[in-house]
Amino acid sequence: MHVFIGIPFFNTLSSHDLNQFGSAGYNGFGVLDMNLRFSRRRLVQAFSIFLLSIIIYFSGKAPVSVVSVIRPGALAAPKTLTPSAEAVSLPGAAAGFPPRKAPQANPDRSDPIMRLLDLPPSPPESAYEYANPWERKNPPPIPGDDAPVKQLIQYWTRTKHSYPPDSPSDKVKLRFLVAIEKDAELIPDLLRDDLLPDLPEAHDRVKEWLDKRPLLTGNNKDQEDLDEKWDQDRARDWLMLHSRYLRDELIERATLLREVVGSIQNEKELAALAKLDWERAQPILERHVTAGSPRYAALALSLQYKHAVEVGDSTQESAVRDRLREIVADRQAPPYARTKAGDTLLKHDWPGRNEWYLSLFNDHTLARMKENRHSLNPLMTPLMADYKKWAPIVTQLIGHPNRTVHDTVVETLMSMYLFAPETMRPLIPWISDPKWSSAGDNMPQDSRISRERLMGDGCGD
């Protein structure tokens, strides 16, 4: 004696189903993505029907009725079992249970199972439950400034970004400001990627949002509380570094600098104070200049020089510039100090700057500095800022009769290959002539600049 129960099987989505899905997924993006959670939900429903059928059968209270089609939009109209449906033999059939034929599906909506299947699928909780369309192999076009704001937010808060990091236009940032006025819960995601405009209106909206949040100490290890604490800390830091709010805390941090290998803790706070409140920053900068730390002095002098340029104080600008040039020329100074001074001078235009920059290639130590496993090379600063302008000028030094100048240029261009691969082309002669340059011969093996790397990058093709 055998009992036969039809096995549910899955059909493809109908056009009605696709329309239903589009309204719950990426509607308006021009992209339709399969909802994996949706499929799992249907699979659970099918399995539940199967278990209920077994329970009902063995309880003897009702005949077995199994829906043979599980698909979105068609659940309200199940198909009847046909002879072509697959069948399986259940355990216990050999124990003498009488055979029963699977009856036609009952369209009576008083059946609780059928009422359950009539319910529409719930919409997704968030677009992040599906694959981000811009993370795909063939992403959709980058949305324009006038695209729907939801689309812009999804794009600019995506997980992957270009390098160097891109940024939305001022128009888009203003639209984000309007968006947070309507929905303040967007603030954490927009602050994470610095997507709000640096305007008093944005400062006020973020401050209002922060004031309404529950005060957290960080002692609770619950993940939601940790995420909330992280969002609040990010909002506080953003306000402190951009606005009139939290000024006393900003001053306290700017005063308490601490050297770490390769950088200075609270450097960004000191720079923010110099930008937001020069009168209160100036005495703090003076103390850092005379504190006896070459790193503190280079940082403070750089901020003083930047302020002198902005306000047009040519006397102060010239005096501070001379001190920064001395730091760059001091081979005993920490790499951080030499790089900070060099970067500052090369980011601003002044009489004789270009000649001074080219003269630095006679100092090979500038291209070989390293601190805390990070390579530092201030000679790259102009090239990174304006490659089209400086590349032709710098490459003219290749083949310079002074071998140090030639090798330093080669090392600098090799350091640029990740940012501008075209810098490799002037170095092609090195492939056929190993003696063309000795760049990198005295560097550690793990960071050596060599012709082998050049050949590995395919320039010899």
Protein backbone atom coordinates (compact mmCIF):
# COMPACT_ATOMS: atom_id res chain seq x y z
CA MET A 1 0.00 0.00 0.00
CA HIS A 2 1.49 3.31 -0.96
CA VAL A 3 0.52 6.92 -0.34
CA PHE A 4 1.39 9.47 -3.01
CA ILE A 5 1.78 13.19 -2.32
CA GLY A 6 2.60 15.65 -5.11
CA ILE A 7 5.91 17.53 -4.77
CA PRO A 8 5.70 21.35 -5.21
CA PHE A 9 7.82 22.70 -8.03
CA PHE A 10 8.82 26.22 -9.09
CA ASN A 11 7.75 28.02 -12.25
CA THR A 12 9.35 31.11 -13.73
CA LEU A 13 8.13 34.61 -12.76
CA SER A 14 5.26 36.04 -14.78
CA SER A 15 5.21 39.62 -16.04
CA HIS A 16 2.80 40.47 -13.23
CA ASP A 17 5.29 39.08 -10.74
CA LEU A 18 8.11 41.12 -12.24
CA ASN A 19 6.04 44.28 -11.92
CA GLN A 20 5.32 43.42 -8.31
CA PHE A 21 8.98 42.80 -7.66
CA GLY A 22 10.06 46.02 -9.36
CA SER A 23 7.95 48.08 -7.01
CA ALA A 24 9.66 46.43 -4.05
CA GLY A 25 13.20 46.46 -5.42
CA TYR A 26 15.19 48.94 -7.45
CA ASN A 27 12.23 50.64 -9.07
CA GLY A 28 13.35 53.64 -11.11
CA PHE A 29 16.96 52.52 -11.50
CA GLY A 30 16.47 50.74 -14.78
CA VAL A 31 17.79 47.57 -13.14
CA LEU A 32 15.92 44.48 -11.98
CA ASP A 33 17.66 42.34 -9.41
CA MET A 34 16.48 38.90 -8.22
CA ASN A 35 15.30 38.93 -4.63
CA LEU A 36 17.01 36.02 -2.89
CA ARG A 37 15.09 36.54 0.32
CA PHE A 38 11.88 36.42 -1.70
CA SER A 39 12.79 32.97 -3.07
CA ARG A 40 13.68 31.65 0.35
CA ARG A 41 10.33 32.86 1.69
CA ARG A 42 8.49 30.90 -0.99
CA LEU A 43 10.59 27.84 -0.31
CA VAL A 44 9.68 28.02 3.38
CA GLN A 45 5.99 28.28 2.46
CA ALA A 46 6.23 25.24 0.22
CA PHE A 47 7.98 23.24 2.92
CA SER A 48 5.36 24.32 5.47
CA ILE A 49 2.57 23.07 3.20
CA PHE A 50 4.34 19.76 2.83
CA LEU A 51 4.66 19.31 6.61
CA LEU A 52 1.05 20.37 7.22
CA SER A 53 -0.13 17.86 4.65
CA ILE A 54 1.64 15.04 6.45
CA ILE A 55 0.28 16.15 9.84
CA ILE A 56 -3.28 16.41 8.52
CA TYR A 57 -3.07 13.04 6.81
CA PHE A 58 -1.84 11.12 9.84
CA SER A 59 -4.30 12.91 12.10
CA GLY A 60 -7.09 11.57 9.89
CA LYS A 61 -9.01 14.84 10.04
CA ALA A 62 -8.80 15.95 6.43
CA PRO A 63 -7.56 14.76 3.06
CA VAL A 64 -4.16 15.79 1.90
CA SER A 65 -4.06 18.81 -0.41
CA VAL A 66 -0.79 20.09 -1.73
CA VAL A 67 -0.38 23.12 -3.97
CA SER A 68 1.65 22.16 -6.99
CA VAL A 69 2.79 25.63 -8.06
CA ILE A 70 4.79 28.03 -5.89
CA ARG A 71 5.48 31.33 -7.53
CA PRO A 72 4.88 35.00 -6.69
CA GLY A 73 1.61 36.37 -8.03
CA ALA A 74 0.23 32.93 -8.82
CA LEU A 75 -0.22 31.57 -5.31
CA ALA A 76 -3.82 32.69 -5.19
CA ALA A 77 -4.64 30.43 -8.13
CA PRO A 78 -2.94 27.07 -7.52
CA LYS A 79 -2.92 24.52 -10.24
CA THR A 80 -4.39 21.09 -9.68
CA LEU A 81 -2.18 18.08 -9.57
CA THR A 82 -1.86 16.29 -12.88
CA PRO A 83 -0.60 12.81 -13.71
CA SER A 84 2.67 14.41 -14.82
CA ALA A 85 3.45 15.59 -11.29
CA GLU A 86 6.27 13.73 -9.63
CA ALA A 87 5.48 11.50 -6.67
CA VAL A 88 7.36 9.95 -3.79
CA SER A 89 6.58 7.06 -1.46
CA LEU A 90 6.36 8.10 2.16
CA PRO A 91 7.72 6.03 5.03
CA GLY A 92 5.01 4.02 6.73
CA ALA A 93 3.20 3.02 3.57
CA ALA A 94 4.23 -0.57 4.09
CA ALA A 95 2.58 -0.57 7.53
CA GLY A 96 -0.86 -1.01 6.02
CA PHE A 97 -2.18 2.50 5.67
CA PRO A 98 -4.90 2.61 3.04
CA PRO A 99 -4.04 4.36 -0.22
CA ARG A 100 -5.57 7.75 -0.90
CA LYS A 101 -5.69 9.63 -4.15
CA ALA A 102 -4.62 13.24 -4.16
CA PRO A 103 -7.84 15.21 -4.76
CA GLN A 104 -8.17 18.31 -6.89
CA ALA A 105 -6.99 21.52 -5.19
CA ASN A 106 -9.87 23.16 -3.35
CA PRO A 107 -10.29 26.81 -4.35
CA ASP A 108 -12.26 27.47 -1.16
CA ARG A 109 -10.61 30.47 0.50
CA SER A 110 -11.86 29.35 3.90
CA ASP A 111 -8.82 27.08 3.93
CA PRO A 112 -6.28 28.89 6.20
CA ILE A 113 -3.40 27.65 4.07
CA MET A 114 -4.91 29.15 0.94
CA ARG A 115 -5.54 32.45 2.75
CA LEU A 116 -1.89 32.43 3.77
CA LEU A 117 -0.80 31.92 0.19
CA ASP A 118 -3.05 34.75 -0.97
CA LEU A 119 -1.07 37.28 1.06
CA PRO A 120 1.24 39.50 -1.06
CA PRO A 121 4.99 39.30 -0.44
CA SER A 122 6.30 41.89 2.00
CA PRO A 123 8.50 44.64 0.52
CA PRO A 124 12.23 44.67 1.26
CA GLU A 125 13.41 46.47 4.38
CA SER A 126 16.28 48.16 2.60
CA ALA A 127 17.92 48.33 -0.80
CA TYR A 128 21.08 47.02 0.87
CA GLU A 129 19.44 43.60 1.18
CA TYR A 130 20.16 43.20 -2.50
CA ALA A 131 23.29 43.62 -4.55
CA ASN A 132 24.14 47.28 -5.04
CA PRO A 133 23.68 47.88 -8.79
CA TRP A 134 26.90 49.92 -9.00
CA GLU A 135 28.92 47.01 -7.60
CA ARG A 136 28.04 44.77 -10.51
CA LYS A 137 30.26 43.80 -13.38
CA ASN A 138 28.21 46.01 -15.72
CA PRO A 139 26.94 48.85 -13.49
CA PRO A 140 24.30 51.34 -14.64
CA PRO A 141 25.38 54.89 -15.56
CA ILE A 142 26.48 57.21 -12.77
CA PRO A 143 23.38 59.25 -11.84
CA GLY A 144 23.44 62.89 -12.87
CA ASP A 145 22.96 65.84 -10.56
CA ASP A 146 19.22 65.92 -11.31
CA ALA A 147 18.59 62.21 -10.70
CA PRO A 148 16.14 61.18 -7.94
CA VAL A 149 17.71 61.94 -4.58
CA LYS A 150 17.26 58.34 -3.38
CA GLN A 151 19.30 57.21 -6.35
CA LEU A 152 22.02 59.77 -5.62
CA ILE A 153 22.22 58.73 -1.98
CA GLN A 154 22.49 55.07 -2.91
CA TYR A 155 25.28 55.79 -5.38
CA TRP A 156 27.36 58.10 -3.20
CA THR A 157 27.06 55.87 -0.13
CA ARG A 158 28.03 52.72 -2.06
CA THR A 159 30.80 50.58 -0.59
CA LYS A 160 33.38 50.95 -3.36
CA HIS A 161 34.91 54.25 -4.35
CA SER A 162 37.47 55.37 -6.85
CA TYR A 163 40.99 56.36 -5.86
CA PRO A 164 41.62 59.14 -5.24
CA PRO A 165 38.17 59.38 -3.62
CA ASP A 166 35.58 61.12 -5.78
CA SER A 167 33.07 63.61 -4.44
CA PRO A 168 29.61 64.77 -5.52
CA SER A 169 29.07 68.23 -6.91
CA ASP A 170 28.03 71.16 -4.73
CA LYS A 171 24.56 70.91 -6.25
CA VAL A 172 24.19 67.30 -5.14
CA LYS A 173 25.41 68.13 -1.64
CA LEU A 174 22.76 70.86 -1.42
CA ARG A 175 20.15 68.29 -2.41
CA PHE A 176 21.41 66.04 0.38
CA LEU A 177 20.90 68.96 2.77
CA VAL A 178 17.27 69.19 1.67
CA ALA A 179 16.95 65.42 2.09
CA ILE A 180 18.08 65.44 5.74
CA GLU A 181 15.62 68.23 6.51
CA LYS A 182 12.90 65.78 5.51
CA ASP A 183 14.51 62.66 6.97
CA ALA A 184 17.19 63.24 9.62
CA GLU A 185 17.98 59.51 9.80
CA LEU A 186 19.95 59.91 6.58
CA ILE A 187 22.57 61.92 8.46
CA PRO A 188 24.81 59.03 9.68
CA ASP A 189 25.28 57.55 6.20
CA LEU A 190 25.92 60.95 4.60
CA LEU A 191 28.42 61.96 7.28
CA ARG A 192 30.30 58.69 6.90
CA ASP A 193 31.46 59.75 3.44
CA ASP A 194 31.49 63.53 4.11
CA LEU A 195 28.61 64.15 1.70
CA LEU A 196 26.97 67.13 3.40
CA PRO A 197 27.82 70.72 2.44
CA ASP A 198 29.99 72.68 4.88
CA LEU A 199 27.30 75.26 5.54
CA PRO A 200 25.71 76.64 8.74
CA GLU A 201 22.37 75.14 7.71
CA ALA A 202 23.92 71.65 7.57
CA HIS A 203 25.70 72.23 10.89
CA ASP A 204 22.39 73.15 12.53
CA ARG A 205 20.57 70.09 11.17
CA VAL A 206 23.29 67.73 12.39
CA LYS A 207 23.36 69.41 15.82
CA GLU A 208 19.58 69.06 16.14
CA TRP A 209 19.80 65.38 15.22
CA LEU A 210 22.62 64.79 17.72
CA ASP A 211 20.81 66.55 20.57
CA LYS A 212 17.82 64.23 20.15
CA ARG A 213 19.85 61.02 20.34
CA PRO A 214 20.08 59.01 23.58
CA LEU A 215 23.28 59.56 25.54
CA LEU A 216 25.49 56.46 25.25
CA THR A 217 28.68 55.72 27.17
CA GLY A 218 29.95 52.88 25.00
CA ASN A 219 29.89 50.40 27.90
CA ASN A 220 26.99 48.47 26.40
CA LYS A 221 28.31 45.81 24.02
CA ASP A 222 25.02 45.44 22.16
CA GLN A 223 25.72 45.88 18.46
CA GLU A 224 22.90 48.35 17.92
CA ASP A 225 24.17 50.52 20.78
CA LEU A 226 27.72 50.33 19.42
CA ASP A 227 26.51 51.42 15.98
CA GLU A 228 24.55 54.28 17.55
CA LYS A 229 27.61 55.36 19.56
CA TRP A 230 29.72 55.30 16.41
CA ASP A 231 27.18 57.44 14.54
CA GLN A 232 27.05 59.96 17.37
CA ASP A 233 30.84 60.19 17.64
CA ARG A 234 31.12 60.78 13.90
CA ALA A 235 28.52 63.55 14.08
CA ARG A 236 30.33 65.20 17.01
CA ASP A 237 33.67 65.09 15.22
CA TRP A 238 32.15 66.54 12.05
CA LEU A 239 30.55 69.39 13.96
CA MET A 240 33.72 70.08 15.92
CA LEU A 241 35.88 70.24 12.78
CA HIS A 242 33.46 72.25 10.61
CA SER A 243 31.22 74.44 12.74
CA ARG A 244 30.97 76.85 15.66
CA TYR A 245 29.76 74.06 17.89
CA LEU A 246 31.98 72.20 20.42
CA ARG A 247 34.69 74.87 20.21
CA ASP A 248 36.06 74.27 23.72
CA GLU A 249 36.53 70.57 22.98
CA LEU A 250 38.30 71.47 19.72
CA ILE A 251 40.71 73.80 21.55
CA GLU A 252 41.47 71.12 24.13
CA ARG A 253 42.34 68.56 21.47
CA ALA A 254 44.40 71.03 19.43
CA THR A 255 46.45 71.81 22.52
CA LEU A 256 47.17 68.18 23.38
CA LEU A 257 49.20 66.95 20.43
CA ARG A 258 50.94 63.61 20.67
CA GLU A 259 53.64 62.17 18.44
CA VAL A 260 53.05 58.79 16.90
CA VAL A 261 55.34 57.18 14.38
CA GLY A 262 54.75 58.79 11.02
CA SER A 263 52.09 61.28 12.14
CA ILE A 264 50.75 63.48 14.94
CA GLN A 265 47.62 62.71 16.90
CA ASN A 266 45.07 65.57 16.84
CA GLU A 267 46.70 67.12 13.78
CA LYS A 268 43.34 67.60 12.03
CA GLU A 269 41.92 69.28 15.15
CA LEU A 270 44.78 71.80 15.19
CA ALA A 271 44.29 72.51 11.48
CA ALA A 272 40.53 72.94 11.97
CA LEU A 273 41.05 75.40 14.82
CA ALA A 274 43.48 77.45 12.70
CA LYS A 275 40.84 77.61 9.97
CA LEU A 276 37.82 78.34 12.19
CA ASP A 277 39.29 80.56 14.91
CA TRP A 278 42.72 82.00 14.11
CA GLU A 279 42.89 84.28 17.14
CA ARG A 280 42.58 81.35 19.53
CA ALA A 281 44.77 79.10 17.39
CA GLN A 282 47.77 81.43 17.03
CA PRO A 283 49.09 81.19 20.63
CA ILE A 284 48.70 77.41 20.53
CA LEU A 285 50.70 77.27 17.30
CA GLU A 286 53.47 79.37 18.80
CA ARG A 287 53.77 76.97 21.74
CA HIS A 288 54.04 74.02 19.36
CA VAL A 289 56.77 75.77 17.33
CA THR A 290 58.94 76.21 20.44
CA ALA A 291 58.04 72.88 22.10
CA GLY A 292 61.29 71.26 20.98
CA SER A 293 59.64 68.72 18.65
CA PRO A 294 60.66 68.96 14.96
CA ARG A 295 57.33 67.39 14.00
CA TYR A 296 55.26 69.85 16.05
CA ALA A 297 57.30 72.75 14.67
CA ALA A 298 56.84 71.63 11.03
CA LEU A 299 53.09 71.23 11.51
CA ALA A 300 52.62 74.56 13.30
CA LEU A 301 54.80 76.47 10.83
CA SER A 302 52.89 74.94 7.92
CA LEU A 303 49.60 76.21 9.35
CA GLN A 304 51.11 79.64 9.98
CA TYR A 305 52.38 79.76 6.40
CA LYS A 306 48.99 78.76 5.00
CA HIS A 307 47.27 81.51 7.01
CA ALA A 308 49.82 84.13 5.89
CA VAL A 309 49.16 83.23 2.24
CA GLU A 310 45.38 83.40 2.71
CA VAL A 311 45.40 86.83 4.37
CA GLY A 312 48.13 88.23 2.11
CA ASP A 313 50.72 88.85 4.84
CA SER A 314 53.81 88.79 2.62
CA THR A 315 56.26 89.57 5.46
CA GLN A 316 55.08 86.67 7.61
CA GLU A 317 54.87 84.45 4.54
CA SER A 318 58.51 85.07 3.60
CA ALA A 319 59.78 84.56 7.14
CA VAL A 320 57.94 81.27 7.66
CA ARG A 321 58.91 80.06 4.19
CA ASP A 322 62.60 80.34 5.03
CA ARG A 323 62.11 78.23 8.15
CA LEU A 324 60.21 75.58 6.21
CA ARG A 325 62.95 75.41 3.56
CA GLU A 326 65.49 74.80 6.31
CA ILE A 327 63.46 71.84 7.56
CA VAL A 328 63.27 70.33 4.07
CA ALA A 329 67.06 70.65 3.63
CA ASP A 330 67.82 69.09 7.04
CA ARG A 331 68.60 65.43 6.37
CA GLN A 332 68.55 64.75 10.12
CA ALA A 333 64.98 65.97 10.52
CA PRO A 334 62.23 63.33 10.85
CA PRO A 335 60.71 62.28 7.51
CA TYR A 336 57.31 63.54 8.68
CA ALA A 337 58.73 67.03 9.31
CA ARG A 338 60.54 67.22 5.95
CA THR A 339 57.49 65.96 4.08
CA LYS A 340 55.07 68.31 5.86
CA ALA A 341 57.30 71.35 5.17
CA GLY A 342 57.91 70.35 1.55
CA ASP A 343 54.25 69.65 0.81
CA THR A 344 53.22 73.02 2.25
CA LEU A 345 55.73 75.00 0.20
CA LEU A 346 54.97 73.13 -3.02
CA LYS A 347 51.20 73.58 -2.74
CA HIS A 348 51.49 77.37 -2.95
CA ASP A 349 53.01 79.53 -5.64
CA TRP A 350 55.83 81.92 -4.76
CA PRO A 351 58.78 83.51 -6.59
CA GLY A 352 61.45 80.92 -7.30
CA ARG A 353 59.28 77.95 -6.29
CA ASN A 354 59.72 75.99 -9.52
CA GLU A 355 63.51 76.34 -9.50
CA TRP A 356 63.65 75.36 -5.85
CA TYR A 357 61.51 72.29 -6.54
CA LEU A 358 63.75 71.06 -9.36
CA SER A 359 66.84 71.62 -7.20
CA LEU A 360 65.44 69.15 -4.65
CA PHE A 361 66.08 66.25 -7.05
CA ASN A 362 69.76 66.62 -6.16
CA ASP A 363 68.86 65.27 -2.70
CA HIS A 364 68.23 61.56 -3.14
CA THR A 365 67.17 61.16 0.52
CA LEU A 366 63.90 62.98 -0.19
CA ALA A 367 62.80 60.15 -2.50
CA ARG A 368 63.77 57.43 -0.01
CA MET A 369 62.21 58.56 3.25
CA LYS A 370 60.22 56.07 5.24
CA GLU A 371 58.42 56.33 8.57
CA ASN A 372 56.28 53.65 10.18
CA ARG A 373 56.53 51.53 7.04
CA HIS A 374 55.06 54.37 4.96
CA SER A 375 57.10 55.79 2.12
CA LEU A 376 57.27 59.59 2.10
CA ASN A 377 58.33 61.62 -0.92
CA PRO A 378 57.50 65.37 -1.08
CA LEU A 379 58.88 65.42 -4.61
CA MET A 380 55.62 63.78 -5.70
CA THR A 381 53.43 66.64 -4.45
CA PRO A 382 53.46 68.85 -7.60
CA LEU A 383 53.14 65.79 -9.84
CA MET A 384 50.09 64.59 -7.92
CA ALA A 385 48.48 68.05 -7.93
CA ASP A 386 49.06 68.86 -11.62
CA TYR A 387 50.61 65.98 -13.51
CA LYS A 388 50.09 67.46 -16.98
CA LYS A 389 52.00 70.60 -16.01
CA TRP A 390 54.88 69.05 -14.10
CA ALA A 391 55.50 65.74 -15.85
CA PRO A 392 57.13 67.31 -18.97
CA ILE A 393 59.32 69.52 -16.74
CA VAL A 394 60.43 66.72 -14.43
CA THR A 395 61.06 64.18 -17.19
CA GLN A 396 63.48 66.64 -18.82
CA LEU A 397 65.80 65.87 -15.90
CA ILE A 398 66.10 62.24 -17.06
CA GLY A 399 69.60 61.82 -18.41
CA HIS A 400 70.88 64.75 -16.35
CA PRO A 401 74.70 64.75 -16.15
CA ASN A 402 74.37 64.67 -12.37
CA ARG A 403 73.66 60.99 -11.73
CA THR A 404 71.93 61.73 -8.43
CA VAL A 405 69.40 63.99 -10.15
CA HIS A 406 68.73 61.35 -12.83
CA ASP A 407 68.22 58.51 -10.31
CA THR A 408 66.05 60.61 -8.01
CA VAL A 409 63.75 61.47 -10.91
CA VAL A 410 63.53 57.77 -11.81
CA GLU A 411 62.66 56.82 -8.23
CA THR A 412 59.99 59.52 -8.04
CA LEU A 413 58.36 58.53 -11.32
CA MET A 414 58.37 54.87 -10.28
CA SER A 415 56.58 55.87 -7.07
CA MET A 416 53.88 57.48 -9.20
CA TYR A 417 52.97 54.43 -11.24
CA LEU A 418 49.89 53.54 -9.18
CA PHE A 419 48.42 57.02 -9.67
CA ALA A 420 49.62 57.71 -13.21
CA PRO A 421 50.81 54.60 -15.10
CA GLU A 422 51.95 56.80 -17.99
CA THR A 423 54.92 57.87 -15.86
CA MET A 424 56.51 54.55 -16.81
CA ARG A 425 57.04 55.38 -20.45
CA PRO A 426 60.06 57.68 -19.99
CA LEU A 427 61.74 54.81 -18.12
CA ILE A 428 61.54 52.27 -20.97
CA PRO A 429 65.33 52.51 -21.74
CA TRP A 430 65.94 50.94 -18.32
CA ILE A 431 64.46 47.65 -19.55
CA SER A 432 67.16 47.04 -22.15
CA ASP A 433 69.99 48.67 -20.19
CA PRO A 434 70.28 47.61 -16.50
CA LYS A 435 72.94 50.28 -15.94
CA TRP A 436 70.70 53.07 -17.21
CA SER A 437 69.75 53.84 -13.57
CA SER A 438 70.77 52.65 -10.12
CA ALA A 439 67.52 53.92 -8.57
CA GLY A 440 66.55 51.96 -5.50
CA ASP A 441 69.84 50.07 -5.10
CA ASN A 442 70.26 51.28 -1.51
CA MET A 443 66.62 50.81 -0.52
CA PRO A 444 65.25 47.87 1.54
CA GLN A 445 64.30 44.89 -0.57
CA ASP A 446 60.56 45.13 0.26
CA SER A 447 60.30 48.67 -1.15
CA ARG A 448 62.97 48.63 -3.83
CA ILE A 449 62.31 50.60 -7.00
CA SER A 450 63.76 48.54 -9.82
CA ARG A 451 63.67 47.74 -13.49
CA GLU A 452 62.17 44.36 -12.57
CA ARG A 453 59.05 46.15 -11.32
CA LEU A 454 59.00 48.24 -14.49
CA MET A 455 59.15 45.10 -16.64
CA GLY A 456 56.49 43.47 -14.52
CA ASP A 457 54.13 46.35 -15.30
CA GLY A 458 54.26 45.52 -18.99
CA CYS A 459 56.15 48.54 -20.29
CA GLY A 460 58.41 46.28 -22.26
CA ASP A 461 55.63 45.10 -24.53
